[in-house]
């Protein structure tokens, strides 16, 4: 078959070690044969050079897609990122293999039916990496602290204070007389906790310095319950907020809107979808739990009296996320300024 020199749609099934590439014409005809390459930036760039001018290339937002998207963009391709939730139907085919996956991605793209995800620019990806790293470190530290409590329980030590790792708790740990193996484990855990705390502080300071001139980062800290850490989560994970036309779209993207199931005359709206950014959803709920006065607190109290605390927290978090949208978009939150 002669090489096609018109517009090309390329589907790439990206994996950890290798990738499968299928090319198509706008009419859906295959171009050449299926190509399998090792995941090497130079090899991928060499392949792009033979796809004509500005080919439309789609790959799924899967493990380690950053490098491939960057190489494709630098090589002149128009890169599209398929949302994993939108292509889950691939798993229900009778025959599922890498070639069919790549072909289906190209088909969806050429027909205009591809569920696309936003390709964050490199600076946003770097900020996200720092924020997510801090969250992982905090989770590790919490696990280590839980182990210390477990060791003390095995030795029958009663912890009277609420924070074992505050000033009073540290004094208690210094004065404890434990059996040798348990004492050694507590010392090891305390050293690890101190080391991780140091890393958490370093990441937090670096992130705050990077964002200190960001107008949205400063604006959303005026919201009750939102400090530097949660503000950094919102800025990093949401990225360019102007890609959302309305705050309702941001709430839906975060998975904080109810499920909607409609068929014929039956309509069912259930719990929130939770199909969205986990960190943004966590940060919004975490922030409203610290708020005890103001409109958001009143919303939580009013709804909580009728429908329970969990539903009230989610509703208040959705209201807070709406204000975050305006703060990131405008650099200020008008309703707070008017209230002041």
C-alpha atoms as a PDB file:
ATOM      1  CA  UNK A   1       0.000   0.000   0.000  1.00  0.00           C
ATOM      2  CA  UNK A   2       1.310   3.467  -0.903  1.00  0.00           C
ATOM      3  CA  UNK A   3       2.107   5.819   1.936  1.00  0.00           C
ATOM      4  CA  UNK A   4      -0.842   8.108   2.680  1.00  0.00           C
ATOM      5  CA  UNK A   5       0.079  11.817   2.681  1.00  0.00           C
ATOM      6  CA  UNK A   6      -3.209  13.330   3.902  1.00  0.00           C
ATOM      7  CA  UNK A   7      -4.491  13.908   7.393  1.00  0.00           C
ATOM      8  CA  UNK A   8      -3.743  11.021   9.754  1.00  0.00           C
ATOM      9  CA  UNK A   9      -5.333   9.860  12.986  1.00  0.00           C
ATOM     10  CA  UNK A  10      -2.981   7.837  15.153  1.00  0.00           C
ATOM     11  CA  UNK A  11      -3.919   5.696  18.134  1.00  0.00           C
ATOM     12  CA  UNK A  12      -1.190   4.681  20.586  1.00  0.00           C
ATOM     13  CA  UNK A  13      -1.747   1.975  23.192  1.00  0.00           C
ATOM     14  CA  UNK A  14       0.929   2.990  25.686  1.00  0.00           C
ATOM     15  CA  UNK A  15       2.359   0.510  28.168  1.00  0.00           C
ATOM     16  CA  UNK A  16       5.256   0.510  30.570  1.00  0.00           C
ATOM     17  CA  UNK A  17       7.796  -1.169  28.264  1.00  0.00           C
ATOM     18  CA  UNK A  18       6.398  -0.902  24.747  1.00  0.00           C
ATOM     19  CA  UNK A  19       3.670   0.740  22.705  1.00  0.00           C
ATOM     20  CA  UNK A  20       1.431  -0.276  19.802  1.00  0.00           C
ATOM     21  CA  UNK A  21       0.640   2.254  17.057  1.00  0.00           C
ATOM     22  CA  UNK A  22      -2.232   2.192  14.559  1.00  0.00           C
ATOM     23  CA  UNK A  23      -2.750   4.877  11.877  1.00  0.00           C
ATOM     24  CA  UNK A  24      -5.978   5.694  10.029  1.00  0.00           C
ATOM     25  CA  UNK A  25      -7.343   8.024   7.362  1.00  0.00           C
ATOM     26  CA  UNK A  26     -10.336  10.306   8.117  1.00  0.00           C
ATOM     27  CA  UNK A  27     -12.511   7.631   6.457  1.00  0.00           C
ATOM     28  CA  UNK A  28     -11.285   4.923   8.842  1.00  0.00           C
ATOM     29  CA  UNK A  29      -8.962   3.060   6.469  1.00  0.00           C
ATOM     30  CA  UNK A  30      -5.805   1.615   8.013  1.00  0.00           C
ATOM     31  CA  UNK A  31      -2.520   3.149   6.904  1.00  0.00           C
ATOM     32  CA  UNK A  32       0.305   0.672   6.707  1.00  0.00           C
ATOM     33  CA  UNK A  33       0.681  -2.082   9.244  1.00  0.00           C
ATOM     34  CA  UNK A  34       0.535  -2.033  13.024  1.00  0.00           C
ATOM     35  CA  UNK A  35       3.791  -0.818  14.565  1.00  0.00           C
ATOM     36  CA  UNK A  36       5.203  -2.020  17.869  1.00  0.00           C
ATOM     37  CA  UNK A  37       8.025  -0.032  19.430  1.00  0.00           C
ATOM     38  CA  UNK A  38       9.984  -0.029  22.655  1.00  0.00           C
ATOM     39  CA  UNK A  39       9.265   2.970  24.839  1.00  0.00           C
ATOM     40  CA  UNK A  40      12.143   5.174  23.812  1.00  0.00           C
ATOM     41  CA  UNK A  41      11.725   8.929  23.176  1.00  0.00           C
ATOM     42  CA  UNK A  42      14.012   8.897  20.132  1.00  0.00           C
ATOM     43  CA  UNK A  43      12.199   5.955  18.552  1.00  0.00           C
ATOM     44  CA  UNK A  44       8.808   7.599  19.127  1.00  0.00           C
ATOM     45  CA  UNK A  45      10.050  10.874  17.600  1.00  0.00           C
ATOM     46  CA  UNK A  46      11.334   8.937  14.591  1.00  0.00           C
ATOM     47  CA  UNK A  47       7.904   7.388  14.114  1.00  0.00           C
ATOM     48  CA  UNK A  48       6.170  10.775  14.295  1.00  0.00           C
ATOM     49  CA  UNK A  49       8.416  12.103  11.521  1.00  0.00           C
ATOM     50  CA  UNK A  50       6.760   9.672   9.096  1.00  0.00           C
ATOM     51  CA  UNK A  51       3.157  10.598   9.927  1.00  0.00           C
ATOM     52  CA  UNK A  52       2.904  13.725   7.819  1.00  0.00           C
ATOM     53  CA  UNK A  53       2.253  17.268   8.955  1.00  0.00           C
ATOM     54  CA  UNK A  54       0.445  17.796  12.296  1.00  0.00           C
ATOM     55  CA  UNK A  55      -1.059  14.309  12.755  1.00  0.00           C
ATOM     56  CA  UNK A  56      -3.799  13.903  15.373  1.00  0.00           C
ATOM     57  CA  UNK A  57      -2.451  11.473  17.969  1.00  0.00           C
ATOM     58  CA  UNK A  58      -4.363   9.975  20.877  1.00  0.00           C
ATOM     59  CA  UNK A  59      -3.058   8.041  23.857  1.00  0.00           C
ATOM     60  CA  UNK A  60      -4.742   7.020  27.057  1.00  0.00           C
ATOM     61  CA  UNK A  61      -4.031   8.755  30.378  1.00  0.00           C
ATOM     62  CA  UNK A  62      -2.281   5.694  31.700  1.00  0.00           C
ATOM     63  CA  UNK A  63       0.879   4.900  33.692  1.00  0.00           C
ATOM     64  CA  UNK A  64       3.690   7.316  32.784  1.00  0.00           C
ATOM     65  CA  UNK A  65       2.077   9.183  29.873  1.00  0.00           C
ATOM     66  CA  UNK A  66       3.936  12.468  30.503  1.00  0.00           C
ATOM     67  CA  UNK A  67       7.037  11.694  28.457  1.00  0.00           C
ATOM     68  CA  UNK A  68       5.078  10.408  25.456  1.00  0.00           C
ATOM     69  CA  UNK A  69       2.808  13.467  25.332  1.00  0.00           C
ATOM     70  CA  UNK A  70       5.818  15.787  25.502  1.00  0.00           C
ATOM     71  CA  UNK A  71       7.707  13.947  22.736  1.00  0.00           C
ATOM     72  CA  UNK A  72       4.642  13.947  20.482  1.00  0.00           C
ATOM     73  CA  UNK A  73       3.989  17.663  21.036  1.00  0.00           C
ATOM     74  CA  UNK A  74       7.639  18.591  20.409  1.00  0.00           C
ATOM     75  CA  UNK A  75       7.561  16.541  17.196  1.00  0.00           C
ATOM     76  CA  UNK A  76       4.641  18.558  15.822  1.00  0.00           C
ATOM     77  CA  UNK A  77       1.713  16.249  16.570  1.00  0.00           C
ATOM     78  CA  UNK A  78      -1.658  17.378  17.924  1.00  0.00           C
ATOM     79  CA  UNK A  79      -1.885  15.371  21.112  1.00  0.00           C
ATOM     80  CA  UNK A  80      -5.192  14.150  22.576  1.00  0.00           C
ATOM     81  CA  UNK A  81      -5.439  12.412  25.940  1.00  0.00           C
ATOM     82  CA  UNK A  82      -8.199   9.822  26.342  1.00  0.00           C
ATOM     83  CA  UNK A  83      -9.922   9.757  29.725  1.00  0.00           C
ATOM     84  CA  UNK A  84      -9.646   6.219  31.197  1.00  0.00           C
ATOM     85  CA  UNK A  85     -13.251   6.227  32.431  1.00  0.00           C
ATOM     86  CA  UNK A  86     -14.523   7.061  28.959  1.00  0.00           C
ATOM     87  CA  UNK A  87     -12.849   4.092  27.268  1.00  0.00           C
ATOM     88  CA  UNK A  88     -13.692   1.413  29.827  1.00  0.00           C
ATOM     89  CA  UNK A  89     -15.912  -0.213  27.186  1.00  0.00           C
ATOM     90  CA  UNK A  90     -12.779  -1.705  25.628  1.00  0.00           C
ATOM     91  CA  UNK A  91     -12.764  -4.319  28.393  1.00  0.00           C
ATOM     92  CA  UNK A  92     -16.136  -5.726  27.296  1.00  0.00           C
ATOM     93  CA  UNK A  93     -15.064  -6.732  23.799  1.00  0.00           C
ATOM     94  CA  UNK A  94     -14.868 -10.421  23.011  1.00  0.00           C
ATOM     95  CA  UNK A  95     -11.310  -9.947  21.764  1.00  0.00           C
ATOM     96  CA  UNK A  96      -9.166  -7.424  23.636  1.00  0.00           C
ATOM     97  CA  UNK A  97      -5.586  -6.853  22.622  1.00  0.00           C
ATOM     98  CA  UNK A  98      -3.217  -3.918  22.209  1.00  0.00           C
ATOM     99  CA  UNK A  99      -3.822  -3.534  18.472  1.00  0.00           C
ATOM    100  CA  UNK A 100      -7.603  -3.335  18.903  1.00  0.00           C
ATOM    101  CA  UNK A 101      -7.206  -0.824  21.749  1.00  0.00           C
ATOM    102  CA  UNK A 102      -5.009   1.446  19.610  1.00  0.00           C
ATOM    103  CA  UNK A 103      -7.393   1.145  16.649  1.00  0.00           C
ATOM    104  CA  UNK A 104     -10.416   1.979  18.802  1.00  0.00           C
ATOM    105  CA  UNK A 105      -8.671   5.065  20.181  1.00  0.00           C
ATOM    106  CA  UNK A 106      -7.955   6.269  16.653  1.00  0.00           C
ATOM    107  CA  UNK A 107     -11.555   5.530  15.620  1.00  0.00           C
ATOM    108  CA  UNK A 108     -13.014   7.513  18.520  1.00  0.00           C
ATOM    109  CA  UNK A 109     -10.737  10.439  17.723  1.00  0.00           C
ATOM    110  CA  UNK A 110     -11.540  10.619  13.987  1.00  0.00           C
ATOM    111  CA  UNK A 111     -15.308  10.370  14.680  1.00  0.00           C
ATOM    112  CA  UNK A 112     -15.177  13.140  17.286  1.00  0.00           C
ATOM    113  CA  UNK A 113     -16.360  10.845  20.082  1.00  0.00           C
ATOM    114  CA  UNK A 114     -13.193  10.682  22.160  1.00  0.00           C
ATOM    115  CA  UNK A 115     -13.684  11.441  25.889  1.00  0.00           C
ATOM    116  CA  UNK A 116     -10.703  13.747  26.378  1.00  0.00           C
ATOM    117  CA  UNK A 117      -8.774  14.596  29.513  1.00  0.00           C
ATOM    118  CA  UNK A 118      -6.893  17.850  30.011  1.00  0.00           C
ATOM    119  CA  UNK A 119      -3.170  17.727  29.271  1.00  0.00           C
ATOM    120  CA  UNK A 120      -1.572  19.699  32.076  1.00  0.00           C
ATOM    121  CA  UNK A 121       1.474  21.763  31.050  1.00  0.00           C
ATOM    122  CA  UNK A 122       4.860  20.778  32.532  1.00  0.00           C
ATOM    123  CA  UNK A 123       4.822  23.486  35.239  1.00  0.00           C
ATOM    124  CA  UNK A 124       1.445  22.302  36.534  1.00  0.00           C
ATOM    125  CA  UNK A 125       2.646  18.698  36.496  1.00  0.00           C
ATOM    126  CA  UNK A 126       5.663  19.687  38.567  1.00  0.00           C
ATOM    127  CA  UNK A 127       3.466  21.471  41.095  1.00  0.00           C
ATOM    128  CA  UNK A 128       1.154  18.468  41.263  1.00  0.00           C
ATOM    129  CA  UNK A 129       4.140  16.207  41.864  1.00  0.00           C
ATOM    130  CA  UNK A 130       5.172  18.258  44.904  1.00  0.00           C
ATOM    131  CA  UNK A 131       1.646  18.404  46.348  1.00  0.00           C
ATOM    132  CA  UNK A 132       1.050  14.680  45.856  1.00  0.00           C
ATOM    133  CA  UNK A 133       4.463  13.854  47.304  1.00  0.00           C
ATOM    134  CA  UNK A 134       3.602  15.793  50.464  1.00  0.00           C
ATOM    135  CA  UNK A 135       0.277  13.942  50.780  1.00  0.00           C
ATOM    136  CA  UNK A 136       2.057  10.589  50.456  1.00  0.00           C
ATOM    137  CA  UNK A 137       4.602  11.607  53.103  1.00  0.00           C
ATOM    138  CA  UNK A 138       1.849  12.645  55.506  1.00  0.00           C
ATOM    139  CA  UNK A 139       0.117   9.294  54.982  1.00  0.00           C
ATOM    140  CA  UNK A 140       3.377   7.462  55.694  1.00  0.00           C
ATOM    141  CA  UNK A 141       3.922   9.487  58.851  1.00  0.00           C
ATOM    142  CA  UNK A 142       0.388   8.749  60.047  1.00  0.00           C
ATOM    143  CA  UNK A 143       1.039   5.042  59.592  1.00  0.00           C
ATOM    144  CA  UNK A 144       4.233   5.261  61.649  1.00  0.00           C
ATOM    145  CA  UNK A 145       2.421   7.111  64.439  1.00  0.00           C
ATOM    146  CA  UNK A 146      -0.257   4.422  64.468  1.00  0.00           C
ATOM    147  CA  UNK A 147       2.484   1.823  64.945  1.00  0.00           C
ATOM    148  CA  UNK A 148       3.788   3.687  68.002  1.00  0.00           C
ATOM    149  CA  UNK A 149       0.292   3.604  69.528  1.00  0.00           C
ATOM    150  CA  UNK A 150       0.118  -0.118  68.752  1.00  0.00           C
ATOM    151  CA  UNK A 151       3.424  -0.832  70.525  1.00  0.00           C
ATOM    152  CA  UNK A 152       2.338   1.106  73.607  1.00  0.00           C
ATOM    153  CA  UNK A 153      -0.946  -0.801  73.701  1.00  0.00           C
ATOM    154  CA  UNK A 154       0.954  -4.098  73.665  1.00  0.00           C
ATOM    155  CA  UNK A 155       2.902  -2.932  76.712  1.00  0.00           C
ATOM    156  CA  UNK A 156      -0.224  -1.779  78.516  1.00  0.00           C
ATOM    157  CA  UNK A 157       0.731   1.909  78.431  1.00  0.00           C
ATOM    158  CA  UNK A 158      -2.218   4.261  78.771  1.00  0.00           C
ATOM    159  CA  UNK A 159      -1.872   7.495  76.777  1.00  0.00           C
ATOM    160  CA  UNK A 160      -3.666  10.275  78.642  1.00  0.00           C
ATOM    161  CA  UNK A 161      -3.013  13.140  76.213  1.00  0.00           C
ATOM    162  CA  UNK A 162      -4.836  13.644  72.901  1.00  0.00           C
ATOM    163  CA  UNK A 163      -1.611  14.121  70.915  1.00  0.00           C
ATOM    164  CA  UNK A 164       1.062  11.590  71.706  1.00  0.00           C
ATOM    165  CA  UNK A 165       3.520  13.457  69.490  1.00  0.00           C
ATOM    166  CA  UNK A 166       3.082  16.876  71.059  1.00  0.00           C
ATOM    167  CA  UNK A 167       5.306  18.249  73.836  1.00  0.00           C
ATOM    168  CA  UNK A 168       3.671  16.255  76.616  1.00  0.00           C
ATOM    169  CA  UNK A 169       3.505  13.091  74.537  1.00  0.00           C
ATOM    170  CA  UNK A 170       7.177  13.288  73.590  1.00  0.00           C
ATOM    171  CA  UNK A 171       8.076  13.624  77.274  1.00  0.00           C
ATOM    172  CA  UNK A 172       5.990  10.530  78.010  1.00  0.00           C
ATOM    173  CA  UNK A 173       7.815   8.565  75.308  1.00  0.00           C
ATOM    174  CA  UNK A 174      11.196   9.711  76.662  1.00  0.00           C
ATOM    175  CA  UNK A 175      10.366   8.524  80.200  1.00  0.00           C
ATOM    176  CA  UNK A 176       8.777   5.173  79.307  1.00  0.00           C
ATOM    177  CA  UNK A 177      10.408   1.959  80.466  1.00  0.00           C
ATOM    178  CA  UNK A 178       9.525  -0.647  77.854  1.00  0.00           C
ATOM    179  CA  UNK A 179      10.827  -4.123  77.196  1.00  0.00           C
ATOM    180  CA  UNK A 180      13.953  -4.065  75.018  1.00  0.00           C
ATOM    181  CA  UNK A 181      12.405  -5.129  71.648  1.00  0.00           C
ATOM    182  CA  UNK A 182       9.463  -2.749  72.063  1.00  0.00           C
ATOM    183  CA  UNK A 183      11.715   0.097  73.189  1.00  0.00           C
ATOM    184  CA  UNK A 184      13.953  -0.411  70.135  1.00  0.00           C
ATOM    185  CA  UNK A 185      10.959  -0.350  67.807  1.00  0.00           C
ATOM    186  CA  UNK A 186       9.591   2.876  69.317  1.00  0.00           C
ATOM    187  CA  UNK A 187      12.991   4.553  68.956  1.00  0.00           C
ATOM    188  CA  UNK A 188      13.192   3.452  65.315  1.00  0.00           C
ATOM    189  CA  UNK A 189       9.678   4.709  64.604  1.00  0.00           C
ATOM    190  CA  UNK A 190      10.387   8.072  66.239  1.00  0.00           C
ATOM    191  CA  UNK A 191      13.516   8.532  64.111  1.00  0.00           C
ATOM    192  CA  UNK A 192      11.532   7.761  60.961  1.00  0.00           C
ATOM    193  CA  UNK A 193       8.761  10.163  61.990  1.00  0.00           C
ATOM    194  CA  UNK A 194      11.290  12.957  62.543  1.00  0.00           C
ATOM    195  CA  UNK A 195      12.906  12.303  59.156  1.00  0.00           C
ATOM    196  CA  UNK A 196       9.583  12.328  57.301  1.00  0.00           C
ATOM    197  CA  UNK A 197       8.477  15.472  59.164  1.00  0.00           C
ATOM    198  CA  UNK A 198      11.621  17.203  57.928  1.00  0.00           C
ATOM    199  CA  UNK A 199      10.840  16.187  54.333  1.00  0.00           C
ATOM    200  CA  UNK A 200       7.227  17.385  54.693  1.00  0.00           C
ATOM    201  CA  UNK A 201       8.419  20.794  55.890  1.00  0.00           C
ATOM    202  CA  UNK A 202      10.884  21.086  53.014  1.00  0.00           C
ATOM    203  CA  UNK A 203       8.251  20.272  50.387  1.00  0.00           C
ATOM    204  CA  UNK A 204       5.722  22.641  51.986  1.00  0.00           C
ATOM    205  CA  UNK A 205       8.184  25.547  52.064  1.00  0.00           C
ATOM    206  CA  UNK A 206       9.279  24.963  48.483  1.00  0.00           C
ATOM    207  CA  UNK A 207       5.671  24.843  47.272  1.00  0.00           C
ATOM    208  CA  UNK A 208       4.717  27.992  49.192  1.00  0.00           C
ATOM    209  CA  UNK A 209       7.695  29.848  47.712  1.00  0.00           C
ATOM    210  CA  UNK A 210       6.723  28.723  44.210  1.00  0.00           C
ATOM    211  CA  UNK A 211       3.141  29.950  44.648  1.00  0.00           C
ATOM    212  CA  UNK A 212       3.687  33.150  46.624  1.00  0.00           C
ATOM    213  CA  UNK A 213       3.017  35.351  43.571  1.00  0.00           C
ATOM    214  CA  UNK A 214       0.048  33.304  42.352  1.00  0.00           C
ATOM    215  CA  UNK A 215      -3.061  35.543  42.701  1.00  0.00           C
ATOM    216  CA  UNK A 216      -5.499  32.638  42.992  1.00  0.00           C
ATOM    217  CA  UNK A 217      -3.385  30.971  45.683  1.00  0.00           C
ATOM    218  CA  UNK A 218      -3.516  34.124  47.788  1.00  0.00           C
ATOM    219  CA  UNK A 219      -7.221  34.722  47.098  1.00  0.00           C
ATOM    220  CA  UNK A 220      -8.561  31.341  48.157  1.00  0.00           C
ATOM    221  CA  UNK A 221      -6.708  31.488  51.465  1.00  0.00           C
ATOM    222  CA  UNK A 222      -9.278  34.112  52.466  1.00  0.00           C
ATOM    223  CA  UNK A 223     -11.832  31.287  52.543  1.00  0.00           C
ATOM    224  CA  UNK A 224     -12.509  29.892  56.025  1.00  0.00           C
ATOM    225  CA  UNK A 225     -10.733  26.595  56.564  1.00  0.00           C
ATOM    226  CA  UNK A 226      -8.344  27.010  53.612  1.00  0.00           C
ATOM    227  CA  UNK A 227      -4.706  27.490  54.574  1.00  0.00           C
ATOM    228  CA  UNK A 228      -1.468  27.284  52.562  1.00  0.00           C
ATOM    229  CA  UNK A 229      -1.528  23.481  52.296  1.00  0.00           C
ATOM    230  CA  UNK A 230      -5.109  23.120  51.048  1.00  0.00           C
ATOM    231  CA  UNK A 231      -4.736  26.175  48.812  1.00  0.00           C
ATOM    232  CA  UNK A 232      -1.716  24.533  47.164  1.00  0.00           C
ATOM    233  CA  UNK A 233      -3.773  21.378  46.589  1.00  0.00           C
ATOM    234  CA  UNK A 234      -6.526  23.381  44.862  1.00  0.00           C
ATOM    235  CA  UNK A 235      -4.113  25.346  42.671  1.00  0.00           C
ATOM    236  CA  UNK A 236      -2.014  22.343  41.647  1.00  0.00           C
ATOM    237  CA  UNK A 237      -4.782  19.841  41.004  1.00  0.00           C
ATOM    238  CA  UNK A 238      -7.245  22.183  39.282  1.00  0.00           C
ATOM    239  CA  UNK A 239      -4.603  23.872  37.147  1.00  0.00           C
ATOM    240  CA  UNK A 240      -6.111  26.212  34.554  1.00  0.00           C
ATOM    241  CA  UNK A 241      -9.539  26.905  36.027  1.00  0.00           C
ATOM    242  CA  UNK A 242     -10.709  28.706  32.867  1.00  0.00           C
ATOM    243  CA  UNK A 243     -11.180  25.321  31.181  1.00  0.00           C
ATOM    244  CA  UNK A 244     -14.371  25.138  33.251  1.00  0.00           C
ATOM    245  CA  UNK A 245     -17.124  27.484  32.090  1.00  0.00           C
ATOM    246  CA  UNK A 246     -19.052  27.334  35.365  1.00  0.00           C
ATOM    247  CA  UNK A 247     -18.353  26.267  38.971  1.00  0.00           C
ATOM    248  CA  UNK A 248     -20.837  23.413  38.540  1.00  0.00           C
ATOM    249  CA  UNK A 249     -18.468  21.866  35.987  1.00  0.00           C
ATOM    250  CA  UNK A 250     -15.595  22.069  38.467  1.00  0.00           C
ATOM    251  CA  UNK A 251     -17.723  20.334  41.125  1.00  0.00           C
ATOM    252  CA  UNK A 252     -18.634  17.612  38.622  1.00  0.00           C
ATOM    253  CA  UNK A 253     -14.961  17.180  37.640  1.00  0.00           C
ATOM    254  CA  UNK A 254     -14.111  16.708  41.325  1.00  0.00           C
ATOM    255  CA  UNK A 255     -16.770  13.974  41.636  1.00  0.00           C
ATOM    256  CA  UNK A 256     -18.919  15.982  44.046  1.00  0.00           C
ATOM    257  CA  UNK A 257     -22.196  15.985  42.108  1.00  0.00           C
ATOM    258  CA  UNK A 258     -24.947  13.341  42.489  1.00  0.00           C
ATOM    259  CA  UNK A 259     -25.275  10.404  40.131  1.00  0.00           C
ATOM    260  CA  UNK A 260     -28.079  10.815  37.607  1.00  0.00           C
ATOM    261  CA  UNK A 261     -29.836   7.756  36.168  1.00  0.00           C
ATOM    262  CA  UNK A 262     -32.741   8.388  33.822  1.00  0.00           C
ATOM    263  CA  UNK A 263     -34.769   5.957  31.712  1.00  0.00           C
ATOM    264  CA  UNK A 264     -38.215   6.658  30.222  1.00  0.00           C
ATOM    265  CA  UNK A 265     -40.215   8.276  33.024  1.00  0.00           C
ATOM    266  CA  UNK A 266     -37.937   7.155  35.845  1.00  0.00           C
ATOM    267  CA  UNK A 267     -35.257   9.479  37.204  1.00  0.00           C
ATOM    268  CA  UNK A 268     -32.957   8.509  40.041  1.00  0.00           C
ATOM    269  CA  UNK A 269     -30.387  10.802  41.625  1.00  0.00           C
ATOM    270  CA  UNK A 270     -28.126   9.055  44.088  1.00  0.00           C
ATOM    271  CA  UNK A 271     -24.957   9.732  46.025  1.00  0.00           C
ATOM    272  CA  UNK A 272     -22.062  11.756  44.640  1.00  0.00           C
ATOM    273  CA  UNK A 273     -20.193  10.064  41.805  1.00  0.00           C
ATOM    274  CA  UNK A 274     -16.691  10.231  43.341  1.00  0.00           C
ATOM    275  CA  UNK A 275     -15.468   9.937  39.749  1.00  0.00           C
ATOM    276  CA  UNK A 276     -13.040  12.775  39.856  1.00  0.00           C
ATOM    277  CA  UNK A 277      -9.959  14.225  41.473  1.00  0.00           C
ATOM    278  CA  UNK A 278      -9.581  12.606  44.895  1.00  0.00           C
ATOM    279  CA  UNK A 279      -7.296  15.263  46.370  1.00  0.00           C
ATOM    280  CA  UNK A 280      -9.581  18.170  45.455  1.00  0.00           C
ATOM    281  CA  UNK A 281     -12.559  16.355  46.943  1.00  0.00           C
ATOM    282  CA  UNK A 282     -10.610  15.587  50.120  1.00  0.00           C
ATOM    283  CA  UNK A 283      -9.331  19.167  50.438  1.00  0.00           C
ATOM    284  CA  UNK A 284     -12.831  20.641  50.085  1.00  0.00           C
ATOM    285  CA  UNK A 285     -14.319  18.337  52.725  1.00  0.00           C
ATOM    286  CA  UNK A 286     -11.324  18.841  55.010  1.00  0.00           C
ATOM    287  CA  UNK A 287     -11.678  22.611  54.796  1.00  0.00           C
ATOM    288  CA  UNK A 288     -15.396  22.759  55.688  1.00  0.00           C
ATOM    289  CA  UNK A 289     -14.859  20.588  58.757  1.00  0.00           C
ATOM    290  CA  UNK A 290     -12.715  23.368  60.232  1.00  0.00           C
ATOM    291  CA  UNK A 291     -15.362  26.055  59.679  1.00  0.00           C
ATOM    292  CA  UNK A 292     -17.705  26.941  62.565  1.00  0.00           C
ATOM    293  CA  UNK A 293     -18.994  30.395  61.570  1.00  0.00           C
ATOM    294  CA  UNK A 294     -20.110  32.074  58.377  1.00  0.00           C
ATOM    295  CA  UNK A 295     -22.341  31.079  55.431  1.00  0.00           C
ATOM    296  CA  UNK A 296     -20.638  27.740  54.772  1.00  0.00           C
ATOM    297  CA  UNK A 297     -21.016  26.699  58.408  1.00  0.00           C
ATOM    298  CA  UNK A 298     -24.667  27.723  58.315  1.00  0.00           C
ATOM    299  CA  UNK A 299     -25.208  25.633  55.194  1.00  0.00           C
ATOM    300  CA  UNK A 300     -23.672  22.618  56.896  1.00  0.00           C
ATOM    301  CA  UNK A 301     -25.804  23.108  60.021  1.00  0.00           C
ATOM    302  CA  UNK A 302     -29.040  23.648  58.104  1.00  0.00           C
ATOM    303  CA  UNK A 303     -28.640  20.606  55.870  1.00  0.00           C
ATOM    304  CA  UNK A 304     -27.246  18.497  58.698  1.00  0.00           C
ATOM    305  CA  UNK A 305     -30.405  18.959  60.737  1.00  0.00           C
ATOM    306  CA  UNK A 306     -32.497  17.522  57.919  1.00  0.00           C
ATOM    307  CA  UNK A 307     -30.268  15.011  56.160  1.00  0.00           C
ATOM    308  CA  UNK A 308     -27.340  14.119  58.404  1.00  0.00           C
ATOM    309  CA  UNK A 309     -23.748  15.234  58.823  1.00  0.00           C
ATOM    310  CA  UNK A 310     -22.211  13.407  55.852  1.00  0.00           C
ATOM    311  CA  UNK A 311     -24.571  14.902  53.276  1.00  0.00           C
ATOM    312  CA  UNK A 312     -24.203  18.295  54.951  1.00  0.00           C
ATOM    313  CA  UNK A 313     -20.409  18.175  54.713  1.00  0.00           C
ATOM    314  CA  UNK A 314     -20.515  17.346  51.020  1.00  0.00           C
ATOM    315  CA  UNK A 315     -23.015  20.139  50.317  1.00  0.00           C
ATOM    316  CA  UNK A 316     -20.874  22.643  52.216  1.00  0.00           C
ATOM    317  CA  UNK A 317     -17.760  21.401  50.418  1.00  0.00           C
ATOM    318  CA  UNK A 318     -19.495  21.937  47.091  1.00  0.00           C
ATOM    319  CA  UNK A 319     -20.328  25.503  48.130  1.00  0.00           C
ATOM    320  CA  UNK A 320     -16.711  26.091  49.135  1.00  0.00           C
ATOM    321  CA  UNK A 321     -15.459  24.646  45.829  1.00  0.00           C
ATOM    322  CA  UNK A 322     -17.714  27.120  44.023  1.00  0.00           C
ATOM    323  CA  UNK A 323     -15.938  29.975  45.817  1.00  0.00           C
ATOM    324  CA  UNK A 324     -12.572  28.388  45.003  1.00  0.00           C
ATOM    325  CA  UNK A 325     -13.554  28.524  41.325  1.00  0.00           C
ATOM    326  CA  UNK A 326     -14.178  32.273  41.467  1.00  0.00           C
ATOM    327  CA  UNK A 327     -11.041  32.876  43.537  1.00  0.00           C
ATOM    328  CA  UNK A 328      -8.804  31.081  41.047  1.00  0.00           C
ATOM    329  CA  UNK A 329     -10.527  32.646  38.041  1.00  0.00           C
ATOM    330  CA  UNK A 330     -10.705  36.262  39.211  1.00  0.00           C
ATOM    331  CA  UNK A 331      -7.879  36.494  41.749  1.00  0.00           C
ATOM    332  CA  UNK A 332     -10.365  37.581  44.405  1.00  0.00           C
ATOM    333  CA  UNK A 333     -13.676  36.418  45.883  1.00  0.00           C
ATOM    334  CA  UNK A 334     -16.273  39.145  45.493  1.00  0.00           C
ATOM    335  CA  UNK A 335     -18.769  37.949  48.101  1.00  0.00           C
ATOM    336  CA  UNK A 336     -16.071  37.943  50.807  1.00  0.00           C
ATOM    337  CA  UNK A 337     -15.017  41.454  49.881  1.00  0.00           C
ATOM    338  CA  UNK A 338     -18.634  42.668  50.043  1.00  0.00           C
ATOM    339  CA  UNK A 339     -19.126  40.994  53.425  1.00  0.00           C
ATOM    340  CA  UNK A 340     -16.011  42.685  54.769  1.00  0.00           C
END
